[in-house]
Structure formats: C-alpha cells, structure tokens
Protein backbone atom coordinates (compact mmCIF):
# COMPACT_ATOMS: atom_id res chain seq x y z
CA UNK A 1 -29.82 -68.13 -132.31
CA UNK A 2 -32.38 -70.07 -131.14
CA UNK A 3 -35.16 -71.98 -132.62
CA UNK A 4 -37.96 -69.05 -131.64
CA UNK A 5 -35.89 -66.69 -132.95
CA UNK A 6 -35.53 -68.55 -136.48
CA UNK A 7 -39.38 -69.52 -136.62
CA UNK A 8 -40.14 -65.30 -136.19
CA UNK A 9 -37.03 -64.44 -138.54
CA UNK A 10 -38.54 -66.80 -141.24
CA UNK A 11 -42.26 -65.25 -140.75
CA UNK A 12 -41.25 -61.75 -141.16
CA UNK A 13 -38.75 -62.94 -144.60
CA UNK A 14 -42.22 -64.74 -145.75
CA UNK A 15 -43.91 -61.97 -145.41
CA UNK A 16 -41.65 -59.64 -146.88
CA UNK A 17 -40.83 -61.94 -149.78
CA UNK A 18 -44.52 -63.30 -150.56
CA UNK A 19 -46.69 -60.17 -149.78
CA UNK A 20 -47.07 -56.44 -151.32
CA UNK A 21 -45.19 -54.14 -149.04
CA UNK A 22 -48.40 -52.02 -147.18
CA UNK A 23 -49.10 -48.75 -147.47
CA UNK A 24 -47.31 -46.46 -145.08
CA UNK A 25 -48.91 -45.12 -142.44
CA UNK A 26 -48.21 -41.83 -141.56
CA UNK A 27 -47.61 -40.34 -138.03
CA UNK A 28 -46.86 -36.76 -136.87
CA UNK A 29 -43.74 -36.08 -134.45
CA UNK A 30 -46.57 -34.11 -132.16
CA UNK A 31 -49.21 -37.04 -132.63
CA UNK A 32 -45.73 -39.65 -131.50
CA UNK A 33 -45.24 -37.35 -128.70
CA UNK A 34 -48.66 -37.55 -127.46
CA UNK A 35 -49.21 -41.11 -127.43
CA UNK A 36 -45.81 -41.94 -126.09
CA UNK A 37 -46.63 -39.45 -123.24
CA UNK A 38 -49.92 -40.66 -122.98
CA UNK A 39 -48.29 -44.73 -122.79
CA UNK A 40 -46.14 -43.66 -119.87
CA UNK A 41 -48.13 -41.73 -117.68
CA UNK A 42 -51.12 -44.39 -118.31
CA UNK A 43 -48.73 -46.88 -116.12
CA UNK A 44 -47.95 -44.22 -113.95
CA UNK A 45 -51.19 -42.94 -113.12
CA UNK A 46 -53.11 -46.81 -113.55
CA UNK A 47 -50.73 -48.23 -110.60
CA UNK A 48 -51.08 -46.12 -108.43
CA UNK A 49 -54.81 -46.08 -108.69
CA UNK A 50 -54.70 -49.68 -108.18
CA UNK A 51 -52.10 -49.94 -105.22
CA UNK A 52 -53.75 -49.50 -102.58
CA UNK A 53 -56.02 -52.34 -103.50
CA UNK A 54 -53.27 -54.62 -104.62
CA UNK A 55 -53.74 -58.37 -103.31
CA UNK A 56 -56.71 -56.93 -100.69
CA UNK A 57 -59.41 -58.84 -102.05
CA UNK A 58 -58.32 -62.12 -103.74
CA UNK A 59 -61.47 -64.58 -103.65
CA UNK A 60 -64.06 -62.01 -104.23
CA UNK A 61 -64.46 -58.39 -106.25
CA UNK A 62 -63.55 -55.34 -104.86
CA UNK A 63 -66.38 -53.22 -103.89
CA UNK A 64 -65.02 -50.55 -101.66
CA UNK A 65 -64.46 -47.08 -102.25
CA UNK A 66 -61.44 -45.85 -104.76
CA UNK A 67 -59.34 -42.59 -103.39
CA UNK A 68 -57.63 -40.48 -105.71
CA UNK A 69 -55.98 -37.45 -105.57
CA UNK A 70 -53.87 -36.22 -108.77
CA UNK A 71 -50.78 -36.12 -105.96
CA UNK A 72 -51.29 -40.14 -105.70
CA UNK A 73 -49.23 -40.46 -108.90
CA UNK A 74 -45.66 -39.00 -107.54
CA UNK A 75 -45.66 -42.83 -105.29
CA UNK A 76 -45.14 -44.33 -108.87
CA UNK A 77 -41.78 -43.03 -109.27
CA UNK A 78 -41.42 -46.28 -106.66
CA UNK A 79 -43.13 -48.79 -108.05
CA UNK A 80 -41.27 -51.97 -109.60
CA UNK A 81 -44.20 -52.29 -112.27
CA UNK A 82 -42.39 -49.42 -114.18
CA UNK A 83 -38.56 -49.43 -112.82
CA UNK A 84 -38.45 -53.41 -113.86
CA UNK A 85 -38.87 -52.55 -117.44
CA UNK A 86 -36.58 -49.93 -117.22
CA UNK A 87 -33.71 -52.42 -116.29
CA UNK A 88 -34.29 -53.76 -119.56
CA UNK A 89 -34.50 -50.19 -121.16
CA UNK A 90 -31.35 -49.41 -120.28
CA UNK A 91 -29.71 -52.49 -121.27
CA UNK A 92 -31.17 -52.06 -124.60
CA UNK A 93 -29.90 -48.56 -124.57
CA UNK A 94 -26.72 -49.57 -123.54
CA UNK A 95 -26.07 -52.82 -125.75
CA UNK A 96 -28.94 -51.57 -128.58
CA UNK A 97 -32.13 -53.34 -128.87
CA UNK A 98 -30.79 -56.16 -130.09
CA UNK A 99 -29.19 -57.23 -126.84
CA UNK A 100 -29.60 -61.20 -125.80
CA UNK A 101 -31.52 -62.75 -123.28
CA UNK A 102 -28.51 -63.59 -121.35
CA UNK A 103 -27.11 -59.80 -121.22
CA UNK A 104 -30.62 -58.87 -120.36
CA UNK A 105 -30.98 -61.29 -117.54
CA UNK A 106 -27.18 -60.43 -116.17
CA UNK A 107 -28.42 -56.57 -115.57
CA UNK A 108 -31.52 -57.62 -114.42
CA UNK A 109 -29.85 -60.39 -111.86
CA UNK A 110 -27.65 -57.70 -110.99
CA UNK A 111 -30.03 -54.65 -110.37
CA UNK A 112 -30.70 -53.84 -106.86
CA UNK A 113 -34.12 -53.85 -106.75
CA UNK A 114 -35.38 -56.99 -104.66
CA UNK A 115 -37.60 -59.35 -106.67
CA UNK A 116 -40.52 -61.65 -106.57
CA UNK A 117 -42.06 -65.21 -108.17
CA UNK A 118 -40.84 -65.58 -111.58
CA UNK A 119 -38.40 -62.50 -111.36
CA UNK A 120 -36.94 -63.92 -108.23
CA UNK A 121 -36.35 -67.57 -109.78
CA UNK A 122 -34.76 -66.20 -112.72
CA UNK A 123 -32.18 -64.26 -110.50
CA UNK A 124 -31.72 -66.91 -108.57
CA UNK A 125 -31.59 -69.29 -111.82
CA UNK A 126 -29.02 -66.99 -113.19
CA UNK A 127 -26.67 -66.83 -109.77
CA UNK A 128 -26.93 -70.29 -110.36
CA UNK A 129 -25.17 -70.57 -113.98
CA UNK A 130 -28.55 -70.83 -115.54
CA UNK A 131 -28.43 -69.40 -119.73
CA UNK A 132 -30.82 -68.96 -122.49
CA UNK A 133 -33.80 -71.24 -122.61
CA UNK A 134 -33.11 -72.77 -119.16
CA UNK A 135 -33.34 -69.69 -117.05
CA UNK A 136 -37.53 -69.73 -117.54
CA UNK A 137 -37.83 -73.14 -118.81
CA UNK A 138 -40.94 -75.33 -117.09
CA UNK A 139 -38.22 -77.63 -116.07
CA UNK A 140 -36.04 -74.34 -114.14
CA UNK A 141 -39.12 -72.11 -112.84
CA UNK A 142 -42.39 -72.86 -111.63
CA UNK A 143 -43.20 -69.52 -111.81
CA UNK A 144 -42.29 -69.43 -115.47
CA UNK A 145 -46.17 -68.91 -116.46
CA UNK A 146 -46.40 -65.89 -113.80
CA UNK A 147 -47.60 -62.33 -114.26
CA UNK A 148 -44.20 -60.79 -114.37
CA UNK A 149 -43.38 -60.37 -117.81
CA UNK A 150 -47.04 -59.36 -118.38
CA UNK A 151 -46.36 -56.11 -115.99
CA UNK A 152 -42.93 -55.53 -117.77
CA UNK A 153 -43.90 -56.17 -121.59
CA UNK A 154 -45.23 -52.81 -122.08
CA UNK A 155 -41.86 -50.56 -123.33
CA UNK A 156 -41.62 -53.13 -125.87
CA UNK A 157 -44.88 -52.49 -127.61
CA UNK A 158 -44.44 -48.60 -127.11
CA UNK A 159 -41.03 -48.83 -128.86
CA UNK A 160 -42.83 -50.75 -131.80
CA UNK A 161 -46.06 -48.82 -132.99
CA UNK A 162 -47.94 -50.69 -135.80
CA UNK A 163 -45.30 -53.33 -135.77
CA UNK A 164 -46.23 -56.22 -133.64
CA UNK A 165 -44.11 -58.79 -135.19
CA UNK A 166 -40.88 -56.65 -133.98
CA UNK A 167 -42.47 -56.57 -130.81
CA UNK A 168 -42.93 -59.99 -130.71
CA UNK A 169 -39.34 -61.01 -131.65
CA UNK A 170 -38.07 -58.79 -128.64
CA UNK A 171 -40.76 -60.60 -126.60
CA UNK A 172 -38.64 -63.57 -127.23
CA UNK A 173 -35.38 -62.01 -126.01
CA UNK A 174 -36.47 -59.98 -123.46
CA UNK A 175 -39.57 -62.78 -121.99
CA UNK A 176 -37.17 -65.33 -121.85
CA UNK A 177 -35.77 -64.00 -118.86
CA UNK A 178 -38.25 -64.90 -116.40
CA UNK A 179 -41.29 -66.45 -118.64
CA UNK A 180 -42.04 -69.35 -120.63
CA UNK A 181 -45.13 -70.69 -122.38
CA UNK A 182 -48.18 -68.68 -121.12
CA UNK A 183 -45.82 -66.43 -119.04
CA UNK A 184 -44.23 -65.46 -122.78
CA UNK A 185 -47.70 -65.16 -124.58
CA UNK A 186 -48.78 -63.36 -121.57
CA UNK A 187 -45.90 -60.57 -123.03
CA UNK A 188 -46.85 -61.00 -126.04
CA UNK A 189 -50.43 -59.90 -126.25
CA UNK A 190 -50.57 -56.98 -124.20
CA UNK A 191 -47.01 -55.67 -126.30
CA UNK A 192 -49.40 -56.68 -129.28
CA UNK A 193 -52.32 -54.29 -127.80
CA UNK A 194 -49.89 -51.47 -126.97
CA UNK A 195 -48.06 -51.91 -130.96
CA UNK A 196 -51.92 -51.85 -132.49
CA UNK A 197 -53.22 -48.89 -130.49
CA UNK A 198 -50.69 -46.51 -132.36
CA UNK A 199 -52.75 -47.40 -135.38
CA UNK A 200 -56.67 -47.93 -133.93
CA UNK A 201 -59.30 -46.05 -132.15
CA UNK A 202 -61.52 -48.83 -131.46
CA UNK A 203 -60.48 -51.00 -128.12
CA UNK A 204 -62.83 -53.80 -129.22
CA UNK A 205 -60.98 -54.66 -132.28
CA UNK A 206 -57.69 -54.29 -131.04
CA UNK A 207 -58.47 -57.01 -128.43
CA UNK A 208 -59.36 -59.47 -130.37
CA UNK A 209 -56.89 -58.64 -133.16
CA UNK A 210 -53.83 -58.87 -130.14
CA UNK A 211 -55.24 -62.63 -129.65
CA UNK A 212 -53.52 -63.27 -133.10
CA UNK A 213 -50.23 -63.31 -131.84
CA UNK A 214 -50.16 -66.42 -129.55
CA UNK A 215 -51.46 -69.52 -129.96
CA UNK A 216 -55.24 -69.98 -130.21
CA UNK A 217 -55.03 -73.36 -127.84
CA UNK A 218 -53.08 -72.39 -125.82
CA UNK A 219 -55.00 -71.53 -121.87
CA UNK A 220 -53.83 -68.09 -121.97
CA UNK A 221 -55.78 -67.20 -125.21
CA UNK A 222 -58.60 -69.31 -124.43
CA UNK A 223 -59.29 -67.11 -121.36
CA UNK A 224 -59.05 -64.00 -122.81
CA UNK A 225 -61.31 -65.50 -125.32
CA UNK A 226 -64.15 -66.24 -122.65
CA UNK A 227 -64.01 -62.96 -121.54
CA UNK A 228 -64.58 -61.92 -124.95
CA UNK A 229 -67.61 -64.29 -125.21
CA UNK A 230 -69.20 -63.18 -122.12
CA UNK A 231 -68.81 -58.94 -122.98
CA UNK A 232 -70.36 -60.25 -126.43
CA UNK A 233 -73.10 -61.82 -124.35
CA UNK A 234 -73.82 -58.96 -122.10
CA UNK A 235 -71.88 -55.76 -122.62
CA UNK A 236 -73.28 -54.66 -120.05
CA UNK A 237 -72.34 -56.21 -116.83
CA UNK A 238 -68.92 -56.97 -115.91
CA UNK A 239 -69.44 -58.63 -113.01
CA UNK A 240 -70.87 -61.50 -115.14
CA UNK A 241 -68.13 -61.82 -116.90
CA UNK A 242 -65.69 -62.09 -113.74
CA UNK A 243 -68.02 -64.72 -112.21
CA UNK A 244 -67.91 -66.80 -115.38
CA UNK A 245 -64.02 -66.28 -115.39
CA UNK A 246 -63.69 -67.36 -111.73
CA UNK A 247 -65.71 -70.51 -111.79
CA UNK A 248 -63.45 -71.49 -115.04
CA UNK A 249 -60.16 -69.90 -114.18
CA UNK A 250 -59.56 -69.00 -110.61
CA UNK A 251 -59.54 -72.65 -109.34
CA UNK A 252 -55.68 -73.49 -109.56
CA UNK A 253 -52.40 -71.50 -109.65
CA UNK A 254 -49.46 -73.23 -110.18
CA UNK A 255 -47.43 -70.51 -107.99
CA UNK A 256 -49.47 -70.39 -105.08
CA UNK A 257 -52.06 -73.24 -105.21
CA UNK A 258 -52.68 -73.34 -101.19
CA UNK A 259 -53.66 -69.97 -101.02
CA UNK A 260 -56.24 -67.81 -102.76
CA UNK A 261 -53.85 -65.27 -103.93
CA UNK A 262 -53.35 -65.79 -107.61
CA UNK A 263 -50.22 -64.35 -109.28
CA UNK A 264 -50.97 -66.53 -112.69
CA UNK A 265 -51.02 -64.40 -115.71
CA UNK A 266 -53.36 -65.80 -117.58
CA UNK A 267 -56.51 -64.67 -115.01
CA UNK A 268 -54.93 -61.19 -114.28
CA UNK A 269 -54.81 -60.59 -118.23
CA UNK A 270 -58.49 -61.30 -118.12
CA UNK A 271 -59.21 -59.01 -115.46
CA UNK A 272 -56.97 -56.35 -117.92
CA UNK A 273 -59.46 -57.40 -120.98
CA UNK A 274 -62.15 -57.04 -118.75
CA UNK A 275 -61.53 -53.35 -117.70
CA UNK A 276 -61.20 -52.78 -121.45
CA UNK A 277 -63.85 -53.84 -122.81
CA UNK A 278 -66.32 -53.37 -120.45
CA UNK A 279 -64.37 -49.48 -119.53
CA UNK A 280 -66.01 -48.52 -122.84
CA UNK A 281 -62.96 -46.51 -123.73
CA UNK A 282 -63.35 -44.03 -120.73
CA UNK A 283 -60.45 -44.19 -118.32
CA UNK A 284 -61.57 -44.15 -115.13
CA UNK A 285 -64.42 -46.91 -115.78
CA UNK A 286 -61.94 -48.59 -117.16
CA UNK A 287 -60.09 -48.74 -113.85
CA UNK A 288 -62.07 -49.29 -111.37
CA UNK A 289 -63.49 -51.83 -113.12
CA UNK A 290 -60.11 -53.78 -113.21
CA UNK A 291 -59.47 -52.79 -109.33
CA UNK A 292 -62.99 -54.47 -109.52
CA UNK A 293 -61.55 -57.71 -110.07
CA UNK A 294 -59.22 -57.79 -107.35
CA UNK A 295 -56.29 -59.73 -107.41
CA UNK A 296 -52.92 -58.06 -108.86
CA UNK A 297 -54.96 -54.73 -108.86
CA UNK A 298 -51.73 -52.58 -109.44
CA UNK A 299 -50.01 -54.33 -112.47
CA UNK A 300 -53.52 -55.05 -113.93
CA UNK A 301 -54.90 -51.52 -113.87
CA UNK A 302 -51.42 -50.20 -114.71
CA UNK A 303 -51.88 -52.85 -118.19
CA UNK A 304 -55.57 -51.38 -118.64
CA UNK A 305 -54.75 -48.07 -118.43
CA UNK A 306 -51.17 -47.61 -120.33
CA UNK A 307 -52.84 -49.00 -123.35
CA UNK A 308 -55.91 -46.60 -123.30
CA UNK A 309 -53.82 -43.77 -123.06
CA UNK A 310 -51.46 -45.16 -125.79
CA UNK A 311 -54.37 -45.17 -128.01
CA UNK A 312 -55.99 -42.07 -126.98
CA UNK A 313 -52.63 -39.86 -126.36
CA UNK A 314 -51.45 -38.00 -123.47
CA UNK A 315 -54.07 -34.75 -123.76
CA UNK A 316 -57.13 -36.97 -123.60
CA UNK A 317 -56.24 -37.89 -120.41
CA UNK A 318 -58.55 -36.08 -118.05
CA UNK A 319 -56.78 -33.81 -115.88
CA UNK A 320 -57.60 -35.32 -112.67
CA UNK A 321 -55.57 -38.39 -113.18
CA UNK A 322 -52.49 -36.53 -115.02
CA UNK A 323 -52.39 -33.01 -113.88
CA UNK A 324 -49.30 -33.58 -111.45
CA UNK A 325 -47.53 -35.44 -113.81
CA UNK A 326 -45.47 -32.24 -115.30
CA UNK A 327 -44.74 -31.45 -111.07
CA UNK A 328 -42.52 -34.35 -111.22
CA UNK A 329 -41.52 -34.95 -114.62
CA UNK A 330 -37.89 -34.61 -114.38
CA UNK A 331 -37.85 -36.77 -110.87
CA UNK A 332 -36.49 -40.75 -111.64
CA UNK A 333 -37.57 -43.56 -111.29
CA UNK A 334 -36.61 -45.56 -107.84
CA UNK A 335 -33.08 -47.56 -109.77
CA UNK A 336 -32.88 -45.94 -112.97
CA UNK A 337 -31.86 -42.85 -114.79
CA UNK A 338 -35.17 -42.16 -116.04
CA UNK A 339 -37.96 -39.66 -115.54
CA UNK A 340 -40.82 -39.49 -117.17
CA UNK A 341 -39.58 -37.23 -119.74
CA UNK A 342 -36.24 -39.25 -120.29
CA UNK A 343 -38.39 -42.92 -120.37
CA UNK A 344 -40.50 -40.59 -123.39
CA UNK A 345 -36.89 -39.45 -124.81
CA UNK A 346 -35.61 -42.78 -125.02
CA UNK A 347 -38.84 -44.57 -126.34
CA UNK A 348 -39.25 -41.88 -129.14
CA UNK A 349 -35.08 -42.78 -130.03
CA UNK A 350 -36.18 -47.01 -130.07
CA UNK A 351 -39.20 -45.83 -132.19
CA UNK A 352 -36.94 -44.26 -134.66
CA UNK A 353 -34.92 -46.96 -135.24
CA UNK A 354 -37.40 -49.33 -135.28
CA UNK A 355 -39.33 -47.99 -137.87
CA UNK A 356 -36.55 -47.58 -140.04
CA UNK A 357 -35.41 -51.31 -139.45
CA UNK A 358 -38.81 -52.12 -140.52
CA UNK A 359 -38.59 -50.19 -143.93
CA UNK A 360 -40.07 -46.90 -142.75
CA UNK A 361 -38.72 -43.73 -142.40
CA UNK A 362 -38.67 -41.34 -139.92
CA UNK A 363 -38.07 -37.60 -140.73
CA UNK A 364 -36.89 -35.82 -137.59
CA UNK A 365 -39.21 -33.74 -136.05
CA UNK A 366 -41.69 -34.28 -138.57
CA UNK A 367 -43.29 -37.18 -139.74
CA UNK A 368 -42.79 -41.32 -138.79
CA UNK A 369 -44.34 -43.25 -142.05
CA UNK A 370 -44.59 -46.90 -140.77
CA UNK A 371 -44.83 -50.15 -142.39
CA UNK A 372 -47.31 -51.70 -140.45
CA UNK A 373 -46.83 -55.40 -139.98
CA UNK A 374 -49.25 -58.29 -140.08
CA UNK A 375 -49.94 -59.86 -136.85
CA UNK A 376 -48.33 -64.03 -136.48
CA UNK A 377 -48.90 -66.34 -134.41
CA UNK A 378 -45.84 -67.15 -132.18
CA UNK A 379 -45.04 -70.81 -131.76
CA UNK A 380 -46.56 -73.32 -129.50
CA UNK A 381 -45.30 -74.71 -126.08
CA UNK A 382 -46.77 -76.58 -123.57
CA UNK A 383 -46.30 -75.01 -119.73
CA UNK A 384 -47.34 -76.04 -116.28
CA UNK A 385 -51.07 -75.21 -116.39
CA UNK A 386 -52.02 -79.11 -116.40
CA UNK A 387 -50.59 -79.17 -112.63
CA UNK A 388 -53.16 -79.95 -109.89
CA UNK A 389 -52.60 -80.41 -106.68
CA UNK A 390 -53.65 -83.79 -104.42
CA UNK A 391 -52.36 -83.20 -101.51
CA UNK A 392 -50.08 -80.70 -99.49
CA UNK A 393 -48.20 -82.44 -96.46
CA UNK A 394 -46.63 -79.86 -93.68
CA UNK A 395 -43.40 -80.25 -92.89
CA UNK A 396 -44.75 -80.96 -89.62
CA UNK A 397 -46.78 -83.51 -90.24
CA UNK A 398 -44.69 -86.86 -88.32
CA UNK A 399 -47.49 -89.48 -89.73
CA UNK A 400 -46.15 -88.73 -93.40
CA UNK A 401 -42.37 -86.86 -92.78
CA UNK A 402 -39.42 -89.04 -91.84
CA UNK A 403 -37.01 -86.60 -90.51
CA UNK A 404 -33.41 -87.75 -89.30
CA UNK A 405 -30.62 -85.50 -87.92
CA UNK A 406 -30.75 -82.16 -86.15
CA UNK A 407 -33.89 -80.30 -87.53
CA UNK A 408 -35.34 -77.10 -85.49
CA UNK A 409 -38.13 -75.62 -85.58
CA UNK A 410 -38.38 -71.97 -87.32
CA UNK A 411 -41.07 -69.27 -87.79
CA UNK A 412 -40.42 -65.92 -89.78
CA UNK A 413 -43.67 -64.18 -87.54
CA UNK A 414 -44.19 -60.73 -88.58
CA UNK A 415 -47.15 -62.30 -90.89
CA UNK A 416 -45.98 -65.18 -91.45
CA UNK A 417 -46.53 -67.94 -88.95
CA UNK A 418 -46.48 -71.64 -90.50
CA UNK A 419 -44.53 -73.99 -89.27
CA UNK A 420 -40.44 -75.00 -90.67
CA UNK A 421 -38.01 -77.71 -89.85
CA UNK A 422 -34.39 -76.32 -90.75
CA UNK A 423 -31.94 -79.03 -91.27
CA UNK A 424 -28.65 -78.11 -89.77
CA UNK A 425 -25.64 -80.50 -90.21
CA UNK A 426 -24.21 -82.47 -93.23
CA UNK A 427 -26.41 -85.84 -92.94
CA UNK A 428 -29.82 -84.83 -91.63
CA UNK A 429 -32.52 -86.11 -94.28
CA UNK A 430 -36.40 -85.72 -95.06
CA UNK A 431 -38.34 -88.54 -96.01
CA UNK A 432 -41.68 -88.91 -97.21
CA UNK A 433 -43.66 -91.44 -99.22
CA UNK A 434 -46.62 -89.99 -101.90
CA UNK A 435 -48.77 -91.13 -104.37
CA UNK A 436 -49.27 -88.78 -108.09
CA UNK A 437 -47.30 -87.76 -110.77
CA UNK A 438 -45.23 -85.17 -109.13
CA UNK A 439 -43.94 -83.30 -106.12
CA UNK A 440 -42.60 -80.01 -104.93
CA UNK A 441 -40.72 -79.31 -101.55
CA UNK A 442 -41.72 -75.66 -100.47
CA UNK A 443 -39.68 -73.27 -97.89
CA UNK A 444 -36.63 -70.73 -98.10
CA UNK A 445 -33.89 -69.65 -99.62
CA UNK A 446 -30.92 -68.25 -97.79
CA UNK A 447 -27.60 -66.85 -96.60
CA UNK A 448 -26.89 -69.61 -94.98
CA UNK A 449 -28.73 -71.95 -97.42
CA UNK A 450 -26.90 -75.25 -98.18
CA UNK A 451 -27.03 -77.87 -100.75
CA UNK A 452 -29.09 -81.21 -100.87
CA UNK A 453 -29.32 -84.11 -102.62
CA UNK A 454 -33.24 -85.61 -103.64
CA UNK A 455 -33.55 -88.37 -104.69
CA UNK A 456 -36.78 -89.79 -105.95
CA UNK A 457 -37.70 -93.77 -106.34
CA UNK A 458 -34.07 -94.93 -108.65
CA UNK A 459 -34.05 -92.20 -110.74
CA UNK A 460 -31.39 -89.89 -111.13
CA UNK A 461 -30.81 -88.04 -107.86
CA UNK A 462 -30.70 -84.02 -108.55
CA UNK A 463 -28.47 -81.48 -106.26
CA UNK A 464 -30.65 -78.46 -105.27
CA UNK A 465 -28.69 -75.13 -103.51
CA UNK A 466 -30.52 -72.98 -101.41
CA UNK A 467 -27.94 -70.29 -100.74
CA UNK A 468 -29.62 -66.86 -102.17
CA UNK A 469 -27.95 -63.78 -101.30
CA UNK A 470 -30.95 -62.47 -99.28
CA UNK A 471 -33.71 -64.33 -97.30
CA UNK A 472 -36.00 -65.10 -99.93
CA UNK A 473 -39.35 -66.94 -99.06
CA UNK A 474 -40.94 -64.87 -96.41
CA UNK A 475 -44.63 -64.67 -96.29
CA UNK A 476 -47.08 -67.14 -97.40
CA UNK A 477 -47.65 -66.20 -101.14
CA UNK A 478 -44.27 -66.42 -101.83
CA UNK A 479 -43.02 -69.46 -100.81
CA UNK A 480 -39.79 -70.49 -102.37
CA UNK A 481 -39.92 -73.86 -104.40
CA UNK A 482 -36.73 -75.63 -103.02
CA UNK A 483 -37.12 -78.74 -105.72
CA UNK A 484 -40.13 -80.03 -107.80
CA UNK A 485 -40.48 -82.50 -110.49
CA UNK A 486 -43.87 -82.70 -112.50
CA UNK A 487 -43.41 -85.97 -114.82
CA UNK A 488 -43.52 -88.64 -112.88
CA UNK A 489 -45.41 -91.92 -113.49
CA UNK A 490 -48.83 -91.71 -111.75
CA UNK A 491 -48.38 -94.26 -108.70
CA UNK A 492 -46.36 -94.00 -105.43
CA UNK A 493 -43.04 -93.06 -104.80
CA UNK A 494 -40.51 -92.22 -102.48
CA UNK A 495 -38.61 -89.00 -101.94
CA UNK A 496 -35.28 -88.73 -99.65
CA UNK A 497 -33.32 -85.33 -99.22
CA UNK A 498 -30.17 -85.60 -97.42
CA UNK A 499 -27.78 -82.59 -96.56
CA UNK A 500 -24.74 -82.34 -98.60
CA UNK A 501 -21.25 -81.60 -96.78
CA UNK A 502 -20.57 -78.80 -98.74
CA UNK A 503 -22.32 -75.24 -99.32
CA UNK A 504 -21.85 -72.49 -101.98
CA UNK A 505 -19.03 -70.57 -101.33
CA UNK A 506 -20.46 -67.53 -99.79
CA UNK A 507 -23.37 -69.71 -97.65
CA UNK A 508 -22.81 -68.94 -94.01
CA UNK A 509 -24.12 -72.57 -93.30
CA UNK A 510 -26.03 -76.03 -94.47
CA UNK A 511 -29.35 -74.75 -93.59
CA UNK A 512 -32.77 -76.19 -95.84
CA UNK A 513 -35.55 -74.91 -95.10
CA UNK A 514 -39.18 -76.65 -95.40
CA UNK A 515 -42.27 -75.84 -94.63
CA UNK A 516 -44.43 -77.80 -97.08
CA UNK A 517 -44.93 -80.26 -99.86
CA UNK A 518 -47.42 -80.24 -102.74
CA UNK A 519 -48.40 -83.35 -104.50
CA UNK A 520 -49.46 -83.64 -108.00
CA UNK A 521 -51.83 -85.94 -109.66
C-alpha cells in the first residue's frame, strides 16, 4: 500500500475511532436515481454546450453567440470527456472498486481510443514499463498537472455520495495513472464537489467546503481561493474575476509555455468555479460563463454542469437541454459498453456498495442511509508549477545547435508548419549549450522512433526511447517531451543527444524527431 493510501486510511480510522458516528442521512431511491441521472446528463449537456468553442479563444474571453439545439447532446456519445472515465469504471466493474493503479493503467493504456497530454504520457510510460507512482510522477511526466484527471474524475464523486474521504482515496488510485500534485488535487477537488452535492443545495458553500480536501498552499487551491475572493468582492461581474485570474495565473503553462493554449488544471479549474459561483444556480448562465472564460470550454462546462445537475437532479434540468436524452439513452458511448442508462445503473450499483462499506445501509428500491464523512485534506506533494521558461531555441537555429550526422528537415504540415530536424542514423548527435536550471527537448514520438543517450555535463546519462505505437506529436499544442530535466544547478550547461544503434523491437527505424528546446530558469 502506498504512503498516500496509508495516510488516507489512517485519517479514516482516526475519524471513526475518535469521533461519534455522524447521524445517517437518508436519500430515497427515487431521489438518488434523479441525482445520478442528473449527473451524467449534466456531463453530456455541458460537454456539447462547450464543444464548438473548445480552444477557439485562448487569450481572451469568448463573446460570440452560443447555438444550442436539444439534438446537440447526441454527439456526447463520442466525447473523450465521457468515454475516458468510463474506461476506469469498466475496469472497476471487472476487478472491483478497489482495483489498483497498475490495473487501471493497463486497461487505459490498452484502450483503442487516442489520447493527449497527461493521458498520452501515461500510456507511453505504461508501455515503457513504468508502474505505480512512477507512472505520473513529476520526474516522469511533465504533464502531471494538466487538466486530464480533472475531466475524468466525475464518476468518483458520483459513486461516493456524501463520502468525500472515500472519493479522495479512490482518486489516489485512479488519478495516479496520469496525475500528480496539482493534477491530482484537481481530481480530488472536483470529486469532492460531486460527493458533497448529494447532501447540499448551496453551490457557494459546496465550492468553499470542497477546498478542505486539498492542501491550502497548493497552487491549485490558491488559484480557486482567488476566484472566491474576487466573487466575494463583486458577485455580479464575472469578467472582473476573469481578468484578475488571468493576470495572475495564465502567465505560464508547464505543458505549452510557448503557446496561448493552456491545458493547466488550476486555470481551467478556476473557470469551472467561476461558472458555478457567478451562475447562481442557473444552468444556462453557469455554462455561458464557463464557455465565456475560453480555453478548454467543453471539459470545463461539462464539469460545471455535472456538479449543478447532480445537485438539482435530472427532473430540474430545463427541457431545452435534456429533451433529446431519452431518444439516445440506450445508445452506447464510443469505445464503451455503456449507454446513458447503463452508466446510471452501474453508478447506482457502486453507490450501494460504497454506502454499505462506509457503515450505512442500502434498502433496495427504497432507501439509502448514508453515514456522511467529514472532509480530510490530502497530503501535500510538490509539483512543477515553479517552472518558468527563460529561453526557447528552435532546432533550426544553427548558432545554438550543433548537429552532426544525417539530420534531415521535416515539417508535419496540415496546420503545423514548425520546422523539425530528424536524426536518421545511429551515431547522429545534437549538442546545445544553455544557461539555467533545466532543459526540455520537444519533438515527436513515432512508429519509427529510436533510442538516444542524453548527456548533460558530467551527470549520469539518461536513455530516452521515442518509439510509440502511433504518430504522437502532431499539432503545436501537443509536442512530445522527448527529454527533460528541471533540477540542475543554476549556471551554464552542455547537453548532447546521441542516437543509439538499437531501437525498440517494434520500431521501424532509429529516428529522433526534434523541434525545439525549452530552457528553464
């Protein structure tokens, strides 16, 4: 059992041993079904409400009109925001809700759907043989604080009504597949929002209470607290809050610091909370504000709508948003065996198990007696939010890079015109001198990707493997991090990459695709 699980288990035991048992909260089966249906419907509605504007604006607010027809919800059946987390649900249905991280990672890695950012790095890491905490540690995934777990954690809160400690413990197993530090806290916070929403009708209080689940000094927490402070100063004008948050928190994204595109969990989480607070419980207003914040509009709006629709229940959702769901309620989500109705049924099965495991009772087709849990704070862990890019050097800059051997020009095209250089032969090398505390080499993984040795000064060399089962790295917002090191002494350094004479057994070549270096300071 990992340290974090031990700590959570200890917290649960301490709460049970030192405090009187809380008074059970009763939820009728009809109400529970209404809330679960609302949660999944909210996710479907929200993702499609924001989908057309996804990353259409990345450096300003979205101010154009939003067109909605009830039939729009149909396309949610093909959305990764939903089928991604259903993959974890399916693994739990197969192996039990206590399925370990490595099992969850295996079925996620072997799934047929494509992935990006933290999820893609997790799949690569799993294929490369990493397991447990190594799958998503900051040392092995520079994407570990991206949004990915925040958009795939909803079901965890759905299946733990009024039980935030149980939700947090489940997050620690699922989230470790692709997230750490703020990336993990994002999932814990959102799952806690969902969990608390079963027993609360006060969105303002729920947003604040859920913060108790994550360390107060974590950047994610600080960012959300800034949203709350701006709301308390002026609860009528969300645009003032947007400017304040973006001035402070949108200056840097570890994943894509060279682009206005921002996939950082805390910034997008702030947009979710902005919609929930300034929406004042109105679904359309909540979604309009969340979309208006820009960036990852479909993911953020799906999260906000799911929280609100779980809290209010399916019956309270306006017909303009839910009227077409019955027509598609038995159609399967892409890459899953779940329909809307199936997802509701499995969620209810998991809820019954968890309520009983938490000391409560489930009376089939009648009543849930839930023992509500207090909120416990997850242990603090450092992430990568401190990273700041001091310099960027394109591989084509011959004044900075010295290339030796058979490097050839390469451009993806199809909207990505950034120039690459590709090493094609064992022994090819690339050297760069830089000054700072870290460096990252950005490029691509591919089916013909090779292996290379990266040497910085006289430090222990590191082997990198750029083979991947498909092309991975196309389009500017999704470069593969071929190599990175962020804990160097501040000063001048020399990095040399040398192509090795052997590649992964499945690779068709020895190629190393490089596009730029990021220098940190």
